[in-house]
Amino acid sequence: MNIQIVLERGDDGFFVAHAPALKSCWSQGKTREEALQNICEAIESYLEPDEAIAVSA
């Protein structure tokens, strides 16, 4: 699965990353590499099934 990531430098000097296709999926890092690693982890968490919903279904 390919998900577009937008990476920008914030006013505080940190890199801010988000995935526009995934509502409210944002992250940041001190370096570009750290921000990319963090957004990848955020995307993985976003796409994980919610166990509470799965159990009640």
C-alpha atoms as a PDB file:
ATOM      1  CA  MET A   1       0.000   0.000   0.000  1.00  0.00           C
ATOM      2  CA  ASN A   2       1.356   3.427  -0.920  1.00  0.00           C
ATOM      3  CA  ILE A   3       0.368   6.374   1.260  1.00  0.00           C
ATOM      4  CA  GLN A   4       1.453   9.907   0.439  1.00  0.00           C
ATOM      5  CA  ILE A   5       3.383  11.650   3.209  1.00  0.00           C
ATOM      6  CA  VAL A   6       3.793  15.426   3.400  1.00  0.00           C
ATOM      7  CA  LEU A   7       6.943  16.572   5.175  1.00  0.00           C
ATOM      8  CA  GLU A   8       7.497  20.217   6.144  1.00  0.00           C
ATOM      9  CA  ARG A   9       9.783  22.121   8.459  1.00  0.00           C
ATOM     10  CA  GLY A  10       7.852  23.698  11.325  1.00  0.00           C
ATOM     11  CA  ASP A  11       8.415  27.148  12.803  1.00  0.00           C
ATOM     12  CA  ASP A  12      10.228  25.512  15.729  1.00  0.00           C
ATOM     13  CA  GLY A  13      12.775  23.846  13.413  1.00  0.00           C
ATOM     14  CA  PHE A  14      11.292  20.363  13.815  1.00  0.00           C
ATOM     15  CA  PHE A  15      10.076  18.412  10.793  1.00  0.00           C
ATOM     16  CA  VAL A  16       6.328  17.836  10.694  1.00  0.00           C
ATOM     17  CA  ALA A  17       4.887  14.930   8.720  1.00  0.00           C
ATOM     18  CA  HIS A  18       1.323  13.931   7.945  1.00  0.00           C
ATOM     19  CA  ALA A  19      -0.595  11.545   5.734  1.00  0.00           C
ATOM     20  CA  PRO A  20      -3.406  13.532   4.056  1.00  0.00           C
ATOM     21  CA  ALA A  21      -5.389  10.372   3.235  1.00  0.00           C
ATOM     22  CA  LEU A  22      -5.538   9.417   6.930  1.00  0.00           C
ATOM     23  CA  LYS A  23      -7.509  11.924   8.994  1.00  0.00           C
ATOM     24  CA  SER A  24      -5.526  13.285  11.950  1.00  0.00           C
ATOM     25  CA  CYS A  25      -2.437  11.160  11.236  1.00  0.00           C
ATOM     26  CA  TRP A  26       0.443  13.518  12.127  1.00  0.00           C
ATOM     27  CA  SER A  27       3.893  13.205  13.642  1.00  0.00           C
ATOM     28  CA  GLN A  28       7.154  15.122  13.954  1.00  0.00           C
ATOM     29  CA  GLY A  29      10.854  14.710  14.572  1.00  0.00           C
ATOM     30  CA  LYS A  30      14.035  16.691  15.157  1.00  0.00           C
ATOM     31  CA  THR A  31      15.424  15.436  11.843  1.00  0.00           C
ATOM     32  CA  ARG A  32      13.858  14.527   8.513  1.00  0.00           C
ATOM     33  CA  GLU A  33      14.692  10.862   9.106  1.00  0.00           C
ATOM     34  CA  GLU A  34      13.182  10.869  12.594  1.00  0.00           C
ATOM     35  CA  ALA A  35       9.976  12.497  11.322  1.00  0.00           C
ATOM     36  CA  LEU A  36       9.674   9.902   8.551  1.00  0.00           C
ATOM     37  CA  GLN A  37      10.240   7.050  11.005  1.00  0.00           C
ATOM     38  CA  ASN A  38       7.671   8.524  13.400  1.00  0.00           C
ATOM     39  CA  ILE A  39       5.009   9.017  10.706  1.00  0.00           C
ATOM     40  CA  CYS A  40       5.514   5.433   9.526  1.00  0.00           C
ATOM     41  CA  GLU A  41       4.868   4.233  13.086  1.00  0.00           C
ATOM     42  CA  ALA A  42       1.821   6.523  13.313  1.00  0.00           C
ATOM     43  CA  ILE A  43       0.448   5.124  10.041  1.00  0.00           C
ATOM     44  CA  GLU A  44       0.937   1.549  11.267  1.00  0.00           C
ATOM     45  CA  SER A  45      -0.952   2.376  14.471  1.00  0.00           C
ATOM     46  CA  TYR A  46      -3.678   4.187  12.528  1.00  0.00           C
ATOM     47  CA  LEU A  47      -4.241   1.181  10.285  1.00  0.00           C
ATOM     48  CA  GLU A  48      -4.241  -1.423  13.092  1.00  0.00           C
ATOM     49  CA  PRO A  49      -7.688  -2.830  13.809  1.00  0.00           C
ATOM     50  CA  ASP A  50      -9.276  -1.535  17.006  1.00  0.00           C
ATOM     51  CA  GLU A  51      -9.451  -4.559  19.319  1.00  0.00           C
ATOM     52  CA  ALA A  52     -12.389  -3.127  21.301  1.00  0.00           C
ATOM     53  CA  ILE A  53     -14.466  -2.894  18.138  1.00  0.00           C
ATOM     54  CA  ALA A  54     -13.345  -6.316  16.894  1.00  0.00           C
ATOM     55  CA  VAL A  55     -14.310  -7.983  20.191  1.00  0.00           C
ATOM     56  CA  SER A  56     -17.785  -6.436  20.305  1.00  0.00           C
ATOM     57  CA  ALA A  57     -18.608  -7.357  16.689  1.00  0.00           C
END
